[in-house]
């Protein structure tokens, strides 16, 4: 378990989701349904403000227990909500996790997802003491695959029947980031 923390660079701030984010989160998801819904089971017309509020409640509780670490991505200058990034499925024995990211449609193409992914990966290694982050991307999700490639994540191949989105089973690309990618030694 690691206390709530804010990460920042010159362009973006990553911070835990806060109560009060539900409206901007809901708007960003609704704006982005066309791009998100083929790859994320939670991204649907049924994503209401109430669902966003429940997500924030669960995300904060999971952070407090060390089960996962969800970050809101906001613009460092305007404070605009840009998307989300986080660490989930933390393995308590093997010290790795899943790293996920999404950026609202109107902000695509600005390098936001890549910046957020690298910041969260560094947090995973330095603070959570993980030895590996995995980026698992549905085989057809080319934009997310390009993000992983652009940030220099290690491509490890295609995993058969690795994901379920809604009721569809799909293969997935496996990428990873390691402490050594940041000049860090893996430590437990």
Protein backbone atom coordinates (compact mmCIF):
# COMPACT_ATOMS: atom_id res chain seq x y z
CA UNK A 1 0.00 0.00 0.00
CA UNK A 2 1.22 3.47 -0.90
CA UNK A 3 -0.41 6.76 0.19
CA UNK A 4 -2.26 8.98 -2.27
CA UNK A 5 0.27 10.80 -4.42
CA UNK A 6 0.32 13.25 -7.32
CA UNK A 7 2.74 12.86 -10.24
CA UNK A 8 3.52 15.69 -12.62
CA UNK A 9 5.58 16.79 -15.58
CA UNK A 10 5.45 20.00 -17.64
CA UNK A 11 2.28 18.91 -19.47
CA UNK A 12 0.13 16.68 -17.27
CA UNK A 13 -0.73 15.94 -13.68
CA UNK A 14 -1.64 12.44 -12.55
CA UNK A 15 -3.60 12.38 -9.33
CA UNK A 16 -5.95 9.97 -7.61
CA UNK A 17 -9.54 10.32 -8.77
CA UNK A 18 -11.39 12.67 -6.43
CA UNK A 19 -15.01 12.90 -5.38
CA UNK A 20 -16.29 15.67 -7.61
CA UNK A 21 -14.61 14.21 -10.73
CA UNK A 22 -17.72 12.24 -11.68
CA UNK A 23 -19.16 14.85 -14.06
CA UNK A 24 -15.94 15.47 -16.00
CA UNK A 25 -15.17 11.75 -16.06
CA UNK A 26 -18.64 10.99 -17.37
CA UNK A 27 -18.35 13.67 -20.09
CA UNK A 28 -14.93 12.40 -21.21
CA UNK A 29 -16.17 8.80 -21.41
CA UNK A 30 -19.31 9.78 -23.32
CA UNK A 31 -17.22 11.90 -25.73
CA UNK A 32 -14.94 8.92 -26.34
CA UNK A 33 -17.39 6.01 -26.62
CA UNK A 34 -16.69 5.41 -30.31
CA UNK A 35 -12.98 4.89 -29.60
CA UNK A 36 -13.28 3.21 -26.17
CA UNK A 37 -16.24 0.83 -26.46
CA UNK A 38 -14.62 -1.70 -28.83
CA UNK A 39 -11.80 -2.23 -26.29
CA UNK A 40 -13.19 -1.46 -22.83
CA UNK A 41 -16.21 -3.36 -21.45
CA UNK A 42 -17.07 -0.50 -19.09
CA UNK A 43 -17.30 2.08 -21.90
CA UNK A 44 -20.94 2.08 -22.99
CA UNK A 45 -24.04 4.27 -23.12
CA UNK A 46 -24.80 2.85 -19.65
CA UNK A 47 -21.79 4.77 -18.23
CA UNK A 48 -23.75 7.33 -16.19
CA UNK A 49 -22.66 9.95 -13.69
CA UNK A 50 -23.66 7.47 -10.97
CA UNK A 51 -21.42 4.80 -12.51
CA UNK A 52 -18.56 7.32 -12.63
CA UNK A 53 -19.13 8.14 -8.96
CA UNK A 54 -19.10 4.43 -8.04
CA UNK A 55 -15.88 3.99 -10.03
CA UNK A 56 -14.25 6.83 -8.08
CA UNK A 57 -15.38 5.32 -4.77
CA UNK A 58 -14.01 1.89 -5.67
CA UNK A 59 -10.79 3.33 -7.12
CA UNK A 60 -10.06 5.29 -3.95
CA UNK A 61 -10.82 2.25 -1.76
CA UNK A 62 -8.55 0.04 -3.89
CA UNK A 63 -5.76 2.61 -3.65
CA UNK A 64 -6.11 2.73 0.14
CA UNK A 65 -5.82 -1.06 0.33
CA UNK A 66 -3.01 -1.32 -2.24
CA UNK A 67 -5.15 -3.39 -4.63
CA UNK A 68 -4.75 -0.94 -7.52
CA UNK A 69 -3.69 2.63 -8.26
CA UNK A 70 -5.95 4.69 -10.50
CA UNK A 71 -4.92 8.14 -11.68
CA UNK A 72 -6.93 10.88 -13.33
CA UNK A 73 -4.92 12.60 -16.06
CA UNK A 74 -5.39 16.37 -16.06
CA UNK A 75 -3.81 19.18 -18.04
CA UNK A 76 -1.04 20.78 -15.96
CA UNK A 77 -1.94 24.27 -17.20
CA UNK A 78 -5.73 24.34 -17.54
CA UNK A 79 -6.73 21.58 -15.12
CA UNK A 80 -8.90 19.99 -17.84
CA UNK A 81 -9.68 16.29 -17.34
CA UNK A 82 -7.88 14.34 -20.07
CA UNK A 83 -8.33 10.64 -19.24
CA UNK A 84 -7.11 7.92 -16.92
CA UNK A 85 -4.12 5.72 -16.28
CA UNK A 86 -3.42 3.14 -13.65
CA UNK A 87 -1.98 -0.03 -12.25
CA UNK A 88 -4.29 -2.98 -11.69
CA UNK A 89 -4.13 -6.73 -11.09
CA UNK A 90 -1.10 -6.37 -8.81
CA UNK A 91 0.37 -9.82 -8.26
CA UNK A 92 1.42 -10.13 -4.62
CA UNK A 93 3.92 -12.96 -5.17
CA UNK A 94 5.50 -12.16 -8.53
CA UNK A 95 5.44 -8.34 -8.12
CA UNK A 96 4.02 -7.32 -11.49
CA UNK A 97 0.83 -5.61 -12.62
CA UNK A 98 -1.22 -4.46 -15.57
CA UNK A 99 -0.73 -0.88 -16.75
CA UNK A 100 -3.65 0.71 -18.57
CA UNK A 101 -4.39 4.10 -20.10
CA UNK A 102 -7.03 6.00 -22.03
CA UNK A 103 -7.30 9.60 -23.22
CA UNK A 104 -10.48 11.42 -24.22
CA UNK A 105 -10.99 11.58 -27.98
CA UNK A 106 -10.57 15.35 -28.32
CA UNK A 107 -7.05 15.11 -26.87
CA UNK A 108 -5.67 12.23 -28.97
CA UNK A 109 -2.37 12.67 -30.79
CA UNK A 110 -0.68 14.84 -28.16
CA UNK A 111 1.43 12.16 -26.46
CA UNK A 112 -0.67 12.26 -23.29
CA UNK A 113 -1.18 8.49 -22.92
CA UNK A 114 2.52 7.78 -23.41
CA UNK A 115 3.59 10.40 -20.89
CA UNK A 116 1.08 9.09 -18.35
CA UNK A 117 2.09 5.46 -18.90
CA UNK A 118 5.76 6.24 -18.32
CA UNK A 119 5.02 8.25 -15.19
CA UNK A 120 2.83 5.51 -13.74
CA UNK A 121 5.37 2.80 -14.60
CA UNK A 122 8.10 4.73 -12.76
CA UNK A 123 5.73 5.05 -9.78
CA UNK A 124 5.19 1.26 -9.93
CA UNK A 125 8.92 0.59 -9.72
CA UNK A 126 10.00 3.31 -7.31
CA UNK A 127 7.09 3.41 -4.86
CA UNK A 128 5.07 0.20 -5.19
CA UNK A 129 8.27 -1.87 -5.61
CA UNK A 130 7.07 -3.89 -8.59
CA UNK A 131 9.53 -5.53 -10.97
CA UNK A 132 7.39 -5.47 -14.12
CA UNK A 133 4.41 -3.71 -15.64
CA UNK A 134 2.44 -5.36 -18.42
CA UNK A 135 0.49 -3.52 -21.10
CA UNK A 136 -2.03 -5.98 -22.53
CA UNK A 137 -3.78 -4.64 -25.63
CA UNK A 138 -6.57 -6.24 -27.63
CA UNK A 139 -5.22 -7.33 -31.02
CA UNK A 140 -7.31 -4.80 -32.95
CA UNK A 141 -6.58 -1.79 -30.73
CA UNK A 142 -3.99 -0.12 -32.95
CA UNK A 143 -3.97 3.29 -31.21
CA UNK A 144 -3.07 1.73 -27.84
CA UNK A 145 -0.50 -0.49 -29.52
CA UNK A 146 1.12 2.58 -31.08
CA UNK A 147 1.35 4.21 -27.64
CA UNK A 148 3.17 1.18 -26.23
CA UNK A 149 5.53 1.15 -29.20
CA UNK A 150 6.23 4.90 -28.98
CA UNK A 151 7.20 4.72 -25.30
CA UNK A 152 9.63 1.90 -26.01
CA UNK A 153 7.73 -0.85 -24.20
CA UNK A 154 9.13 -4.34 -24.90
CA UNK A 155 6.96 -6.26 -27.36
CA UNK A 156 6.61 -9.85 -26.18
CA UNK A 157 4.16 -11.28 -28.67
CA UNK A 158 0.52 -12.20 -29.11
CA UNK A 159 -1.35 -14.01 -26.35
CA UNK A 160 -4.18 -16.18 -27.65
CA UNK A 161 -7.66 -15.73 -26.14
CA UNK A 162 -6.22 -13.30 -23.58
CA UNK A 163 -9.03 -10.76 -23.34
CA UNK A 164 -12.78 -10.57 -23.13
CA UNK A 165 -14.44 -7.29 -24.07
CA UNK A 166 -18.17 -7.49 -23.48
CA UNK A 167 -18.84 -10.98 -24.81
CA UNK A 168 -16.09 -11.01 -27.45
CA UNK A 169 -12.95 -13.08 -26.88
CA UNK A 170 -9.81 -11.67 -28.44
CA UNK A 171 -6.11 -12.21 -28.71
CA UNK A 172 -3.88 -9.55 -27.18
CA UNK A 173 -0.51 -7.96 -27.73
CA UNK A 174 1.76 -8.16 -24.68
CA UNK A 175 4.16 -5.33 -23.94
CA UNK A 176 6.16 -4.73 -20.78
CA UNK A 177 8.15 -2.04 -19.04
CA UNK A 178 10.89 -2.90 -16.56
CA UNK A 179 12.80 -0.93 -13.91
CA UNK A 180 15.91 -1.07 -16.13
CA UNK A 181 14.01 0.96 -18.76
CA UNK A 182 14.22 3.85 -16.28
CA UNK A 183 17.81 3.21 -15.15
CA UNK A 184 16.49 1.56 -11.98
CA UNK A 185 17.43 -1.76 -10.42
CA UNK A 186 14.58 -4.15 -9.66
CA UNK A 187 14.10 -4.23 -5.88
CA UNK A 188 11.64 -6.08 -3.70
